[in-house]
Amino acid sequence: MSVQGDIDWGFGEIIALGSLLAQGVTVRLAGQDSRRGTFVQRHASVVDAETGADYLPLFGVKAEDARFFVHDSLLSEYAAMGFEYGYSVENLDAFVAWEAQFGDFANGAQSVVDEFLSSGEVKWGQRSALTLLLPHGHEGQGPDHTSGRIERYLQLCAEDNIRVVVPSTPANHFHLLRRQALSPKKKPLVVFTPKSLLRHKLCVSAVADFTTGTFQPVIGDTVDPGAVRRVLFCSGKVYYDLLQARTERQIEDTAIVRLEQLYPLPIEEIRAVLRTYAGATDFAWVQEEPANQGAWSFIALNLLEHLDGVSLRRISRPSAAAPAVGSIKLHDAEQSALLEAALPRS
C-alpha cells in the first residue's frame, strides 16, 4: 500500500518519537504543556473526558524493552530542566527532551544551561544528550512570546560542546531527532522549534523525505543557479516569508539558502552550496530578530573567516532592548521593511 499526502510538523515529530520507540529507544518528553502541545499540535496523550484516563497512542508501536514518558511539568523551568538534565546524564541511551511553552520561558533555567548543559562535559567529563525544544519566531505576539534567545545559546558554543539547530521542515526535524537519539556521539541539543509554521501550508514534507535521506545542516535553493546574482542566508520561519515575497515579486536572480544547523557551523556544506552560485556578487544574512539578537553576531564572528571573497551584509530589525514590539501594527511595518530590504521591488 502506498502512502500519499504531505506531513506537517506535529505529525512528523510524533513519528520520529514513534520510530525510536519501535527500535527499542526509551523516549522521555517533559515540559509546560507537552502532552497536548502548547499549540495543540502534538496529542501525545489523549484524555478520556468521562473517566479522566490517559491514552498514549505511541504505546501501540513501542518495543517491549522501550519506555515512553510524556509529562506536563510544573511551571518551574529551573527544577524541571534540571531534573531532565540529570535523567539524561544517568541514561545516555534514552532520548530525553524538555520543552518550553515558549522559547522565552527557558530563561528561568539559565543557570542549568550555563553551569551544566554547556560546560558539564568540559568541567567534569559529564556527558548529556538532553534536547531542549524552544518555540521561536517573530509573529506579532509581543516581547514575551517571541524569542528563544538564539544569541544566548550561540554565545555558549565552543569546543564542540552543544548542537544548536533551527530546522525549517518537518522531515529535517524528524531526521534531527533521530540523529540525536541514535548517534554514539552524545551532546546536548538546542532546537528552536516553530509556532505559526506548525500549520503553514508550505511547511510540510513528502512521505519520501522521511523514508529516505538524513538531516540536512544546509538546504540550498531550487532556482536556476546560472541566474543567481544575490544569495540570502537565513534560518527558521523567515525563510517562508522570503520565499513568498520572492514569488509575489517574481524575482528570479535571488537564491535563499537555509542554515539549519548554526553550531557546529557546517562550513563545507555552505561552501558547496556557494559553489553552485558562481555568478553571485551580493551576499546577505537575513534574520527577523533585532540586530543585537538572533544569530547575526555569531555568524559575523565565526562564518566569514571561512568564506574567502564573500562579504556578508546584515538585514534585520534595528537593535532593540526587548525581543519584539508590543503592537501588531508596528510588527507588520517592521516585517514589511525587512522584506523590502532583502527583496527590493524592481
C-alpha atoms as a PDB file:
ATOM      1  CA  MET A   1       0.000   0.000   0.000  1.00  0.00           C
ATOM      2  CA  SER A   2       1.416   3.401  -0.975  1.00  0.00           C
ATOM      3  CA  VAL A   3       1.134   6.312   1.441  1.00  0.00           C
ATOM      4  CA  GLN A   4       0.296   9.675  -0.079  1.00  0.00           C
ATOM      5  CA  GLY A   5      -0.075  13.233   1.157  1.00  0.00           C
ATOM      6  CA  ASP A   6       2.162  15.669   2.971  1.00  0.00           C
ATOM      7  CA  ILE A   7       3.153  15.520   6.628  1.00  0.00           C
ATOM      8  CA  ASP A   8       3.080  18.566   8.895  1.00  0.00           C
ATOM      9  CA  TRP A   9       5.342  19.413  11.823  1.00  0.00           C
ATOM     10  CA  GLY A  10       3.387  17.837  14.667  1.00  0.00           C
ATOM     11  CA  PHE A  11       2.868  14.549  12.870  1.00  0.00           C
ATOM     12  CA  GLY A  12       6.475  14.486  11.698  1.00  0.00           C
ATOM     13  CA  GLU A  13       7.666  14.856  15.273  1.00  0.00           C
ATOM     14  CA  ILE A  14       5.363  12.139  16.606  1.00  0.00           C
ATOM     15  CA  ILE A  15       6.511   9.636  14.005  1.00  0.00           C
ATOM     16  CA  ALA A  16      10.114  10.450  14.915  1.00  0.00           C
ATOM     17  CA  LEU A  17       9.383   9.539  18.524  1.00  0.00           C
ATOM     18  CA  GLY A  18       7.333   6.515  17.459  1.00  0.00           C
ATOM     19  CA  SER A  19      10.113   5.229  15.221  1.00  0.00           C
ATOM     20  CA  LEU A  20      12.578   5.451  18.105  1.00  0.00           C
ATOM     21  CA  LEU A  21      10.228   3.599  20.450  1.00  0.00           C
ATOM     22  CA  ALA A  22       9.742   0.916  17.806  1.00  0.00           C
ATOM     23  CA  GLN A  23      13.531   0.487  17.726  1.00  0.00           C
ATOM     24  CA  GLY A  24      13.649  -0.003  21.482  1.00  0.00           C
ATOM     25  CA  VAL A  25      14.795   3.514  22.452  1.00  0.00           C
ATOM     26  CA  THR A  26      13.248   4.934  25.617  1.00  0.00           C
ATOM     27  CA  VAL A  27      11.690   8.351  24.987  1.00  0.00           C
ATOM     28  CA  ARG A  28      11.083  10.928  27.687  1.00  0.00           C
ATOM     29  CA  LEU A  29       9.419  14.287  26.938  1.00  0.00           C
ATOM     30  CA  ALA A  30       8.528  16.814  29.622  1.00  0.00           C
ATOM     31  CA  GLY A  31       7.513  20.456  29.514  1.00  0.00           C
ATOM     32  CA  GLN A  32       4.949  23.025  30.461  1.00  0.00           C
ATOM     33  CA  ASP A  33       2.284  21.761  28.041  1.00  0.00           C
ATOM     34  CA  SER A  34       3.981  18.868  26.302  1.00  0.00           C
ATOM     35  CA  ARG A  35       1.305  16.184  26.252  1.00  0.00           C
ATOM     36  CA  ARG A  36      -1.119  18.222  24.148  1.00  0.00           C
ATOM     37  CA  GLY A  37       1.495  20.625  22.819  1.00  0.00           C
ATOM     38  CA  THR A  38       1.327  24.358  23.563  1.00  0.00           C
ATOM     39  CA  PHE A  39      -0.149  24.976  20.118  1.00  0.00           C
ATOM     40  CA  VAL A  40      -2.388  21.881  20.143  1.00  0.00           C
ATOM     41  CA  GLN A  41      -0.077  20.187  17.663  1.00  0.00           C
ATOM     42  CA  ARG A  42       1.157  17.031  19.385  1.00  0.00           C
ATOM     43  CA  HIS A  43      -1.579  14.997  21.125  1.00  0.00           C
ATOM     44  CA  ALA A  44       0.967  12.614  22.628  1.00  0.00           C
ATOM     45  CA  SER A  45      -1.628  11.919  25.318  1.00  0.00           C
ATOM     46  CA  VAL A  46      -5.407  11.857  24.871  1.00  0.00           C
ATOM     47  CA  VAL A  47      -7.622  12.175  27.940  1.00  0.00           C
ATOM     48  CA  ASP A  48     -10.968  10.378  28.210  1.00  0.00           C
ATOM     49  CA  ALA A  49     -13.481  13.137  29.017  1.00  0.00           C
ATOM     50  CA  GLU A  50     -15.625  10.780  31.092  1.00  0.00           C
ATOM     51  CA  THR A  51     -13.093   8.759  33.063  1.00  0.00           C
ATOM     52  CA  GLY A  52     -10.075  11.061  33.037  1.00  0.00           C
ATOM     53  CA  ALA A  53      -7.892   8.171  31.915  1.00  0.00           C
ATOM     54  CA  ASP A  54      -4.892   8.840  29.680  1.00  0.00           C
ATOM     55  CA  TYR A  55      -4.438   7.123  26.345  1.00  0.00           C
ATOM     56  CA  LEU A  56      -0.972   7.295  24.800  1.00  0.00           C
ATOM     57  CA  PRO A  57      -1.159   6.334  21.103  1.00  0.00           C
ATOM     58  CA  LEU A  58       2.582   5.649  20.871  1.00  0.00           C
ATOM     59  CA  PHE A  59       2.227   2.764  23.307  1.00  0.00           C
ATOM     60  CA  GLY A  60       0.904   0.815  20.343  1.00  0.00           C
ATOM     61  CA  VAL A  61       4.191   0.950  18.444  1.00  0.00           C
ATOM     62  CA  LYS A  62       6.868   0.808  21.134  1.00  0.00           C
ATOM     63  CA  ALA A  63       9.086  -2.213  21.511  1.00  0.00           C
ATOM     64  CA  GLU A  64       8.728  -4.239  24.691  1.00  0.00           C
ATOM     65  CA  ASP A  65      12.038  -3.016  26.133  1.00  0.00           C
ATOM     66  CA  ALA A  66      11.329   0.686  25.431  1.00  0.00           C
ATOM     67  CA  ARG A  67       9.581   3.056  27.818  1.00  0.00           C
ATOM     68  CA  PHE A  68       7.638   6.184  26.909  1.00  0.00           C
ATOM     69  CA  PHE A  69       7.147   9.097  29.279  1.00  0.00           C
ATOM     70  CA  VAL A  70       5.353  12.334  28.439  1.00  0.00           C
ATOM     71  CA  HIS A  71       4.629  14.781  31.262  1.00  0.00           C
ATOM     72  CA  ASP A  72       3.269  18.275  31.751  1.00  0.00           C
ATOM     73  CA  SER A  73       5.871  19.634  34.160  1.00  0.00           C
ATOM     74  CA  LEU A  74       5.383  22.233  36.840  1.00  0.00           C
ATOM     75  CA  LEU A  75       5.938  25.879  35.885  1.00  0.00           C
ATOM     76  CA  SER A  76       9.473  25.932  37.234  1.00  0.00           C
ATOM     77  CA  GLU A  77      11.960  25.882  34.398  1.00  0.00           C
ATOM     78  CA  TYR A  78      14.889  25.557  36.794  1.00  0.00           C
ATOM     79  CA  ALA A  79      13.571  22.461  38.595  1.00  0.00           C
ATOM     80  CA  ALA A  80      12.084  20.760  35.541  1.00  0.00           C
ATOM     81  CA  MET A  81      15.025  21.261  33.181  1.00  0.00           C
ATOM     82  CA  GLY A  82      17.466  20.364  35.943  1.00  0.00           C
ATOM     83  CA  PHE A  83      15.685  17.058  36.546  1.00  0.00           C
ATOM     84  CA  GLU A  84      15.686  16.165  32.858  1.00  0.00           C
ATOM     85  CA  TYR A  85      19.378  17.038  32.602  1.00  0.00           C
ATOM     86  CA  GLY A  86      20.123  14.660  35.467  1.00  0.00           C
ATOM     87  CA  TYR A  87      17.993  11.926  33.888  1.00  0.00           C
ATOM     88  CA  SER A  88      19.859  12.316  30.583  1.00  0.00           C
ATOM     89  CA  VAL A  89      23.226  12.024  32.338  1.00  0.00           C
ATOM     90  CA  GLU A  90      22.181   8.775  34.021  1.00  0.00           C
ATOM     91  CA  ASN A  91      20.566   7.288  30.902  1.00  0.00           C
ATOM     92  CA  LEU A  92      22.561   8.295  27.835  1.00  0.00           C
ATOM     93  CA  ASP A  93      20.781   5.700  25.697  1.00  0.00           C
ATOM     94  CA  ALA A  94      17.373   7.363  26.136  1.00  0.00           C
ATOM     95  CA  PHE A  95      16.019  10.266  24.109  1.00  0.00           C
ATOM     96  CA  VAL A  96      15.298  12.927  26.757  1.00  0.00           C
ATOM     97  CA  ALA A  97      13.732  16.294  25.911  1.00  0.00           C
ATOM     98  CA  TRP A  98      12.480  19.294  27.853  1.00  0.00           C
ATOM     99  CA  GLU A  99      10.158  21.694  26.063  1.00  0.00           C
ATOM    100  CA  ALA A 100       9.440  25.310  26.927  1.00  0.00           C
ATOM    101  CA  GLN A 101       5.908  26.588  26.440  1.00  0.00           C
ATOM    102  CA  PHE A 102       7.539  29.473  24.568  1.00  0.00           C
ATOM    103  CA  GLY A 103      11.279  29.692  23.989  1.00  0.00           C
ATOM    104  CA  ASP A 104      11.483  32.745  26.239  1.00  0.00           C
ATOM    105  CA  PHE A 105      10.380  30.641  29.195  1.00  0.00           C
ATOM    106  CA  ALA A 106      13.691  28.776  29.369  1.00  0.00           C
ATOM    107  CA  ASN A 107      15.272  31.869  30.948  1.00  0.00           C
ATOM    108  CA  GLY A 108      14.307  30.657  34.430  1.00  0.00           C
ATOM    109  CA  ALA A 109      16.673  27.738  33.901  1.00  0.00           C
ATOM    110  CA  GLN A 110      19.615  29.786  32.657  1.00  0.00           C
ATOM    111  CA  SER A 111      21.844  28.526  35.452  1.00  0.00           C
ATOM    112  CA  VAL A 112      21.204  24.919  34.351  1.00  0.00           C
ATOM    113  CA  VAL A 113      22.195  25.851  30.795  1.00  0.00           C
ATOM    114  CA  ASP A 114      25.298  27.783  31.868  1.00  0.00           C
ATOM    115  CA  GLU A 115      26.633  25.505  34.584  1.00  0.00           C
ATOM    116  CA  PHE A 116      25.666  22.072  33.294  1.00  0.00           C
ATOM    117  CA  LEU A 117      24.328  21.840  29.759  1.00  0.00           C
ATOM    118  CA  SER A 118      27.023  23.885  28.007  1.00  0.00           C
ATOM    119  CA  SER A 119      30.061  23.163  30.167  1.00  0.00           C
ATOM    120  CA  GLY A 120      29.461  19.983  32.171  1.00  0.00           C
ATOM    121  CA  GLU A 121      31.446  17.778  29.809  1.00  0.00           C
ATOM    122  CA  VAL A 122      34.476  20.102  29.751  1.00  0.00           C
ATOM    123  CA  LYS A 123      34.458  20.687  33.513  1.00  0.00           C
ATOM    124  CA  TRP A 124      33.638  17.224  34.820  1.00  0.00           C
ATOM    125  CA  GLY A 125      33.547  14.835  31.864  1.00  0.00           C
ATOM    126  CA  GLN A 126      29.812  14.571  32.499  1.00  0.00           C
ATOM    127  CA  ARG A 127      28.088  13.753  29.222  1.00  0.00           C
ATOM    128  CA  SER A 128      24.460  14.532  28.454  1.00  0.00           C
ATOM    129  CA  ALA A 129      22.267  14.259  25.372  1.00  0.00           C
ATOM    130  CA  LEU A 130      19.428  16.405  26.712  1.00  0.00           C
ATOM    131  CA  THR A 131      17.352  18.071  23.986  1.00  0.00           C
ATOM    132  CA  LEU A 132      15.729  21.468  24.539  1.00  0.00           C
ATOM    133  CA  LEU A 133      12.729  22.340  22.361  1.00  0.00           C
ATOM    134  CA  LEU A 134      12.282  26.135  22.362  1.00  0.00           C
ATOM    135  CA  PRO A 135       9.419  27.637  20.276  1.00  0.00           C
ATOM    136  CA  HIS A 136      10.742  30.717  18.486  1.00  0.00           C
ATOM    137  CA  GLY A 137       9.522  33.165  15.837  1.00  0.00           C
ATOM    138  CA  HIS A 138       8.534  36.792  15.214  1.00  0.00           C
ATOM    139  CA  GLU A 139       4.809  36.697  14.595  1.00  0.00           C
ATOM    140  CA  GLY A 140       3.483  39.768  16.394  1.00  0.00           C
ATOM    141  CA  GLN A 141       2.757  38.002  19.684  1.00  0.00           C
ATOM    142  CA  GLY A 142       4.639  40.552  21.753  1.00  0.00           C
ATOM    143  CA  PRO A 143       8.011  40.577  23.510  1.00  0.00           C
ATOM    144  CA  ASP A 144       7.299  37.718  25.915  1.00  0.00           C
ATOM    145  CA  HIS A 145       6.171  35.124  23.346  1.00  0.00           C
ATOM    146  CA  THR A 146       8.657  35.655  20.541  1.00  0.00           C
ATOM    147  CA  SER A 147      12.293  34.832  21.096  1.00  0.00           C
ATOM    148  CA  GLY A 148      14.029  31.712  22.404  1.00  0.00           C
ATOM    149  CA  ARG A 149      17.163  33.889  22.616  1.00  0.00           C
ATOM    150  CA  ILE A 150      19.213  32.183  19.932  1.00  0.00           C
ATOM    151  CA  GLU A 151      22.065  34.596  20.630  1.00  0.00           C
ATOM    152  CA  ARG A 152      22.479  33.407  24.221  1.00  0.00           C
ATOM    153  CA  TYR A 153      22.956  29.772  23.286  1.00  0.00           C
ATOM    154  CA  LEU A 154      25.336  30.612  20.454  1.00  0.00           C
ATOM    155  CA  GLN A 155      27.498  32.623  22.855  1.00  0.00           C
ATOM    156  CA  LEU A 156      27.994  29.410  24.843  1.00  0.00           C
ATOM    157  CA  CYS A 157      29.148  27.404  21.826  1.00  0.00           C
ATOM    158  CA  ALA A 158      32.788  26.308  21.787  1.00  0.00           C
ATOM    159  CA  GLU A 159      34.884  23.147  21.796  1.00  0.00           C
ATOM    160  CA  ASP A 160      32.116  21.130  20.119  1.00  0.00           C
ATOM    161  CA  ASN A 161      30.068  21.309  23.312  1.00  0.00           C
ATOM    162  CA  ILE A 162      26.429  21.519  22.123  1.00  0.00           C
ATOM    163  CA  ARG A 163      24.315  21.461  18.968  1.00  0.00           C
ATOM    164  CA  VAL A 164      22.167  24.473  18.028  1.00  0.00           C
ATOM    165  CA  VAL A 165      19.657  23.885  15.247  1.00  0.00           C
ATOM    166  CA  VAL A 166      16.761  25.782  13.648  1.00  0.00           C
ATOM    167  CA  PRO A 167      15.051  23.230  11.376  1.00  0.00           C
ATOM    168  CA  SER A 168      12.626  24.548   8.771  1.00  0.00           C
ATOM    169  CA  THR A 169      10.872  21.408   7.551  1.00  0.00           C
ATOM    170  CA  PRO A 170       9.063  18.551   9.330  1.00  0.00           C
ATOM    171  CA  ALA A 171      11.327  15.981   7.656  1.00  0.00           C
ATOM    172  CA  ASN A 172      14.520  17.722   8.753  1.00  0.00           C
ATOM    173  CA  HIS A 173      13.173  17.923  12.308  1.00  0.00           C
ATOM    174  CA  PHE A 174      12.352  14.196  12.099  1.00  0.00           C
ATOM    175  CA  HIS A 175      15.867  13.274  10.988  1.00  0.00           C
ATOM    176  CA  LEU A 176      17.391  15.646  13.558  1.00  0.00           C
ATOM    177  CA  LEU A 177      15.601  13.990  16.491  1.00  0.00           C
ATOM    178  CA  ARG A 178      16.518  10.537  15.261  1.00  0.00           C
ATOM    179  CA  ARG A 179      20.155  11.586  14.839  1.00  0.00           C
ATOM    180  CA  GLN A 180      20.169  12.956  18.369  1.00  0.00           C
ATOM    181  CA  ALA A 181      18.839   9.706  19.807  1.00  0.00           C
ATOM    182  CA  LEU A 182      20.872   7.232  17.763  1.00  0.00           C
ATOM    183  CA  SER A 183      24.251   8.941  17.365  1.00  0.00           C
ATOM    184  CA  PRO A 184      27.011   7.446  19.541  1.00  0.00           C
ATOM    185  CA  LYS A 185      28.386  10.975  19.970  1.00  0.00           C
ATOM    186  CA  LYS A 186      26.325  12.306  22.873  1.00  0.00           C
ATOM    187  CA  LYS A 187      25.919  16.085  23.026  1.00  0.00           C
ATOM    188  CA  PRO A 188      23.143  18.381  24.281  1.00  0.00           C
ATOM    189  CA  LEU A 189      20.872  19.681  21.520  1.00  0.00           C
ATOM    190  CA  VAL A 190      19.035  23.017  21.419  1.00  0.00           C
ATOM    191  CA  VAL A 191      16.236  23.105  18.837  1.00  0.00           C
ATOM    192  CA  PHE A 192      14.398  26.333  18.028  1.00  0.00           C
ATOM    193  CA  THR A 193      11.004  24.994  17.008  1.00  0.00           C
ATOM    194  CA  PRO A 194       8.219  26.865  15.175  1.00  0.00           C
ATOM    195  CA  LYS A 195       4.860  28.325  16.122  1.00  0.00           C
ATOM    196  CA  SER A 196       2.990  29.570  13.048  1.00  0.00           C
ATOM    197  CA  LEU A 197       4.828  27.079  10.853  1.00  0.00           C
ATOM    198  CA  LEU A 198       3.034  24.271  12.652  1.00  0.00           C
ATOM    199  CA  ARG A 199       0.083  24.977  10.346  1.00  0.00           C
ATOM    200  CA  HIS A 200       1.741  26.807   7.467  1.00  0.00           C
ATOM    201  CA  LYS A 201       0.639  25.376   4.112  1.00  0.00           C
ATOM    202  CA  LEU A 202       4.209  25.419   2.787  1.00  0.00           C
ATOM    203  CA  CYS A 203       5.833  23.901   5.868  1.00  0.00           C
ATOM    204  CA  VAL A 204       5.133  20.268   5.021  1.00  0.00           C
ATOM    205  CA  SER A 205       7.255  17.354   3.825  1.00  0.00           C
ATOM    206  CA  ALA A 206       6.533  14.469   1.487  1.00  0.00           C
ATOM    207  CA  VAL A 207       6.471  10.920   2.839  1.00  0.00           C
ATOM    208  CA  ALA A 208       9.604  10.100   0.825  1.00  0.00           C
ATOM    209  CA  ASP A 209      11.508  12.799   2.731  1.00  0.00           C
ATOM    210  CA  PHE A 210      11.014  10.731   5.896  1.00  0.00           C
ATOM    211  CA  THR A 211      11.736   7.297   4.463  1.00  0.00           C
ATOM    212  CA  THR A 212      14.914   8.428   2.723  1.00  0.00           C
ATOM    213  CA  GLY A 213      17.705  10.891   3.409  1.00  0.00           C
ATOM    214  CA  THR A 214      19.271  12.255   6.569  1.00  0.00           C
ATOM    215  CA  PHE A 215      19.398  15.533   8.482  1.00  0.00           C
ATOM    216  CA  GLN A 216      20.463  18.428   6.237  1.00  0.00           C
ATOM    217  CA  PRO A 217      22.557  21.094   8.028  1.00  0.00           C
ATOM    218  CA  VAL A 218      22.214  23.371   4.981  1.00  0.00           C
ATOM    219  CA  ILE A 219      19.379  23.480   2.448  1.00  0.00           C
ATOM    220  CA  GLY A 220      20.092  25.152  -0.870  1.00  0.00           C
ATOM    221  CA  ASP A 221      17.597  26.582  -3.344  1.00  0.00           C
ATOM    222  CA  THR A 222      15.959  25.172  -6.465  1.00  0.00           C
ATOM    223  CA  VAL A 223      16.280  28.295  -8.608  1.00  0.00           C
ATOM    224  CA  ASP A 224      18.393  28.322 -11.775  1.00  0.00           C
ATOM    225  CA  PRO A 225      21.973  28.636 -10.421  1.00  0.00           C
ATOM    226  CA  GLY A 226      23.149  30.478 -13.510  1.00  0.00           C
ATOM    227  CA  ALA A 227      20.657  33.284 -12.949  1.00  0.00           C
ATOM    228  CA  VAL A 228      21.589  33.909  -9.308  1.00  0.00           C
ATOM    229  CA  ARG A 229      23.213  37.248  -8.530  1.00  0.00           C
ATOM    230  CA  ARG A 230      22.153  37.579  -4.870  1.00  0.00           C
ATOM    231  CA  VAL A 231      22.314  34.941  -2.118  1.00  0.00           C
ATOM    232  CA  LEU A 232      20.293  35.369   1.077  1.00  0.00           C
ATOM    233  CA  PHE A 233      21.277  33.217   4.044  1.00  0.00           C
ATOM    234  CA  CYS A 234      18.695  32.703   6.786  1.00  0.00           C
ATOM    235  CA  SER A 235      17.339  30.296   9.399  1.00  0.00           C
ATOM    236  CA  GLY A 236      13.852  29.361  10.515  1.00  0.00           C
ATOM    237  CA  LYS A 237      10.480  30.950   9.800  1.00  0.00           C
ATOM    238  CA  VAL A 238      11.799  33.959   7.911  1.00  0.00           C
ATOM    239  CA  TYR A 239      12.646  31.597   5.047  1.00  0.00           C
ATOM    240  CA  TYR A 240       8.949  31.189   4.255  1.00  0.00           C
ATOM    241  CA  ASP A 241       8.397  34.961   4.442  1.00  0.00           C
ATOM    242  CA  LEU A 242      11.246  35.467   1.971  1.00  0.00           C
ATOM    243  CA  LEU A 243      10.023  32.666  -0.270  1.00  0.00           C
ATOM    244  CA  GLN A 244       6.522  34.089  -0.528  1.00  0.00           C
ATOM    245  CA  ALA A 245       7.825  37.629  -1.138  1.00  0.00           C
ATOM    246  CA  ARG A 246      10.176  36.405  -3.868  1.00  0.00           C
ATOM    247  CA  THR A 247       7.315  34.569  -5.588  1.00  0.00           C
ATOM    248  CA  GLU A 248       4.911  37.520  -5.371  1.00  0.00           C
ATOM    249  CA  ARG A 249       7.548  39.932  -6.724  1.00  0.00           C
ATOM    250  CA  GLN A 250       8.664  37.496  -9.441  1.00  0.00           C
ATOM    251  CA  ILE A 251      12.329  37.862  -8.529  1.00  0.00           C
ATOM    252  CA  GLU A 252      14.491  35.309 -10.337  1.00  0.00           C
ATOM    253  CA  ASP A 253      18.062  36.344  -9.520  1.00  0.00           C
ATOM    254  CA  THR A 254      17.980  35.607  -5.772  1.00  0.00           C
ATOM    255  CA  ALA A 255      18.705  32.296  -4.023  1.00  0.00           C
ATOM    256  CA  ILE A 256      17.575  31.685  -0.442  1.00  0.00           C
ATOM    257  CA  VAL A 257      19.873  29.348   1.497  1.00  0.00           C
ATOM    258  CA  ARG A 258      18.819  27.927   4.850  1.00  0.00           C
ATOM    259  CA  LEU A 259      21.336  27.312   7.624  1.00  0.00           C
ATOM    260  CA  GLU A 260      19.523  24.640   9.599  1.00  0.00           C
ATOM    261  CA  GLN A 261      22.454  23.948  11.940  1.00  0.00           C
ATOM    262  CA  LEU A 262      24.053  27.010  13.467  1.00  0.00           C
ATOM    263  CA  TYR A 263      26.566  25.170  15.642  1.00  0.00           C
ATOM    264  CA  PRO A 264      28.765  23.479  14.781  1.00  0.00           C
ATOM    265  CA  LEU A 265      28.767  25.596  11.635  1.00  0.00           C
ATOM    266  CA  PRO A 266      28.537  23.323   8.564  1.00  0.00           C
ATOM    267  CA  ILE A 267      31.350  25.080   6.717  1.00  0.00           C
ATOM    268  CA  GLU A 268      31.917  22.517   3.957  1.00  0.00           C
ATOM    269  CA  GLU A 269      28.199  22.284   3.171  1.00  0.00           C
ATOM    270  CA  ILE A 270      27.969  26.084   2.943  1.00  0.00           C
ATOM    271  CA  ARG A 271      30.975  26.231   0.631  1.00  0.00           C
ATOM    272  CA  ALA A 272      29.456  23.530  -1.572  1.00  0.00           C
ATOM    273  CA  VAL A 273      26.202  25.489  -1.915  1.00  0.00           C
ATOM    274  CA  LEU A 274      28.049  28.711  -2.715  1.00  0.00           C
ATOM    275  CA  ARG A 275      29.996  26.992  -5.487  1.00  0.00           C
ATOM    276  CA  THR A 276      26.734  26.432  -7.343  1.00  0.00           C
ATOM    277  CA  TYR A 277      26.112  30.192  -7.402  1.00  0.00           C
ATOM    278  CA  ALA A 278      29.370  31.224  -9.064  1.00  0.00           C
ATOM    279  CA  GLY A 279      27.802  34.347 -10.594  1.00  0.00           C
ATOM    280  CA  ALA A 280      26.540  35.784  -7.301  1.00  0.00           C
ATOM    281  CA  THR A 281      28.025  39.116  -6.184  1.00  0.00           C
ATOM    282  CA  ASP A 282      25.722  40.117  -3.319  1.00  0.00           C
ATOM    283  CA  PHE A 283      25.502  38.102  -0.102  1.00  0.00           C
ATOM    284  CA  ALA A 284      23.383  38.866   2.966  1.00  0.00           C
ATOM    285  CA  TRP A 285      22.357  37.312   6.256  1.00  0.00           C
ATOM    286  CA  VAL A 286      18.625  37.874   6.809  1.00  0.00           C
ATOM    287  CA  GLN A 287      17.058  37.485  10.240  1.00  0.00           C
ATOM    288  CA  GLU A 288      13.758  38.619  11.705  1.00  0.00           C
ATOM    289  CA  GLU A 289      15.339  39.282  15.102  1.00  0.00           C
ATOM    290  CA  PRO A 290      16.811  42.698  16.018  1.00  0.00           C
ATOM    291  CA  ALA A 291      20.430  43.294  15.008  1.00  0.00           C
ATOM    292  CA  ASN A 292      21.766  42.732  18.537  1.00  0.00           C
ATOM    293  CA  GLN A 293      19.873  39.438  18.869  1.00  0.00           C
ATOM    294  CA  GLY A 294      19.431  36.299  16.797  1.00  0.00           C
ATOM    295  CA  ALA A 295      22.329  34.574  15.051  1.00  0.00           C
ATOM    296  CA  TRP A 296      23.947  37.568  13.352  1.00  0.00           C
ATOM    297  CA  SER A 297      26.740  38.261  15.850  1.00  0.00           C
ATOM    298  CA  PHE A 298      27.743  34.599  15.841  1.00  0.00           C
ATOM    299  CA  ILE A 299      27.585  34.333  12.054  1.00  0.00           C
ATOM    300  CA  ALA A 300      29.620  37.506  11.529  1.00  0.00           C
ATOM    301  CA  LEU A 301      32.269  36.390  14.019  1.00  0.00           C
ATOM    302  CA  ASN A 302      32.576  32.752  13.003  1.00  0.00           C
ATOM    303  CA  LEU A 303      31.425  32.187   9.425  1.00  0.00           C
ATOM    304  CA  LEU A 304      33.080  34.909   7.384  1.00  0.00           C
ATOM    305  CA  GLU A 305      36.624  33.813   8.150  1.00  0.00           C
ATOM    306  CA  HIS A 306      35.849  30.553   6.331  1.00  0.00           C
ATOM    307  CA  LEU A 307      34.362  32.141   3.195  1.00  0.00           C
ATOM    308  CA  ASP A 308      37.119  33.665   1.087  1.00  0.00           C
ATOM    309  CA  GLY A 309      35.972  36.547  -1.071  1.00  0.00           C
ATOM    310  CA  VAL A 310      32.481  36.702   0.431  1.00  0.00           C
ATOM    311  CA  SER A 311      31.338  39.917   2.092  1.00  0.00           C
ATOM    312  CA  LEU A 312      28.189  39.326   4.112  1.00  0.00           C
ATOM    313  CA  ARG A 313      25.858  42.190   4.981  1.00  0.00           C
ATOM    314  CA  ARG A 314      23.111  42.074   7.595  1.00  0.00           C
ATOM    315  CA  ILE A 315      19.388  42.572   7.006  1.00  0.00           C
ATOM    316  CA  SER A 316      17.387  42.648  10.231  1.00  0.00           C
ATOM    317  CA  ARG A 317      15.244  44.699  12.533  1.00  0.00           C
ATOM    318  CA  PRO A 318      17.105  47.540  14.291  1.00  0.00           C
ATOM    319  CA  SER A 319      18.798  46.793  17.606  1.00  0.00           C
ATOM    320  CA  ALA A 320      16.299  46.691  20.450  1.00  0.00           C
ATOM    321  CA  ALA A 321      16.174  46.198  24.206  1.00  0.00           C
ATOM    322  CA  ALA A 322      13.154  43.892  24.006  1.00  0.00           C
ATOM    323  CA  PRO A 323      12.913  40.832  21.752  1.00  0.00           C
ATOM    324  CA  ALA A 324       9.907  42.278  19.895  1.00  0.00           C
ATOM    325  CA  VAL A 325       7.465  45.170  19.808  1.00  0.00           C
ATOM    326  CA  GLY A 326       4.099  45.009  21.550  1.00  0.00           C
ATOM    327  CA  SER A 327       1.989  46.360  18.689  1.00  0.00           C
ATOM    328  CA  ILE A 328       0.880  44.154  15.799  1.00  0.00           C
ATOM    329  CA  LYS A 329       0.750  47.206  13.503  1.00  0.00           C
ATOM    330  CA  LEU A 330       4.353  48.091  14.312  1.00  0.00           C
ATOM    331  CA  HIS A 331       5.348  44.452  13.914  1.00  0.00           C
ATOM    332  CA  ASP A 332       3.791  44.350  10.445  1.00  0.00           C
ATOM    333  CA  ALA A 333       5.547  47.578   9.456  1.00  0.00           C
ATOM    334  CA  GLU A 334       8.908  46.202  10.590  1.00  0.00           C
ATOM    335  CA  GLN A 335       8.284  42.950   8.728  1.00  0.00           C
ATOM    336  CA  SER A 336       7.430  44.804   5.513  1.00  0.00           C
ATOM    337  CA  ALA A 337      10.609  46.870   5.802  1.00  0.00           C
ATOM    338  CA  LEU A 338      12.645  43.723   6.389  1.00  0.00           C
ATOM    339  CA  LEU A 339      11.315  42.019   3.258  1.00  0.00           C
ATOM    340  CA  GLU A 340      11.755  45.170   1.189  1.00  0.00           C
ATOM    341  CA  ALA A 341      15.416  45.420   2.239  1.00  0.00           C
ATOM    342  CA  ALA A 342      16.004  41.756   1.394  1.00  0.00           C
ATOM    343  CA  LEU A 343      13.984  41.635  -1.826  1.00  0.00           C
ATOM    344  CA  PRO A 344      13.530  45.175  -3.177  1.00  0.00           C
ATOM    345  CA  ARG A 345      10.826  45.616  -5.749  1.00  0.00           C
ATOM    346  CA  SER A 346      12.203  46.310  -9.201  1.00  0.00           C
END
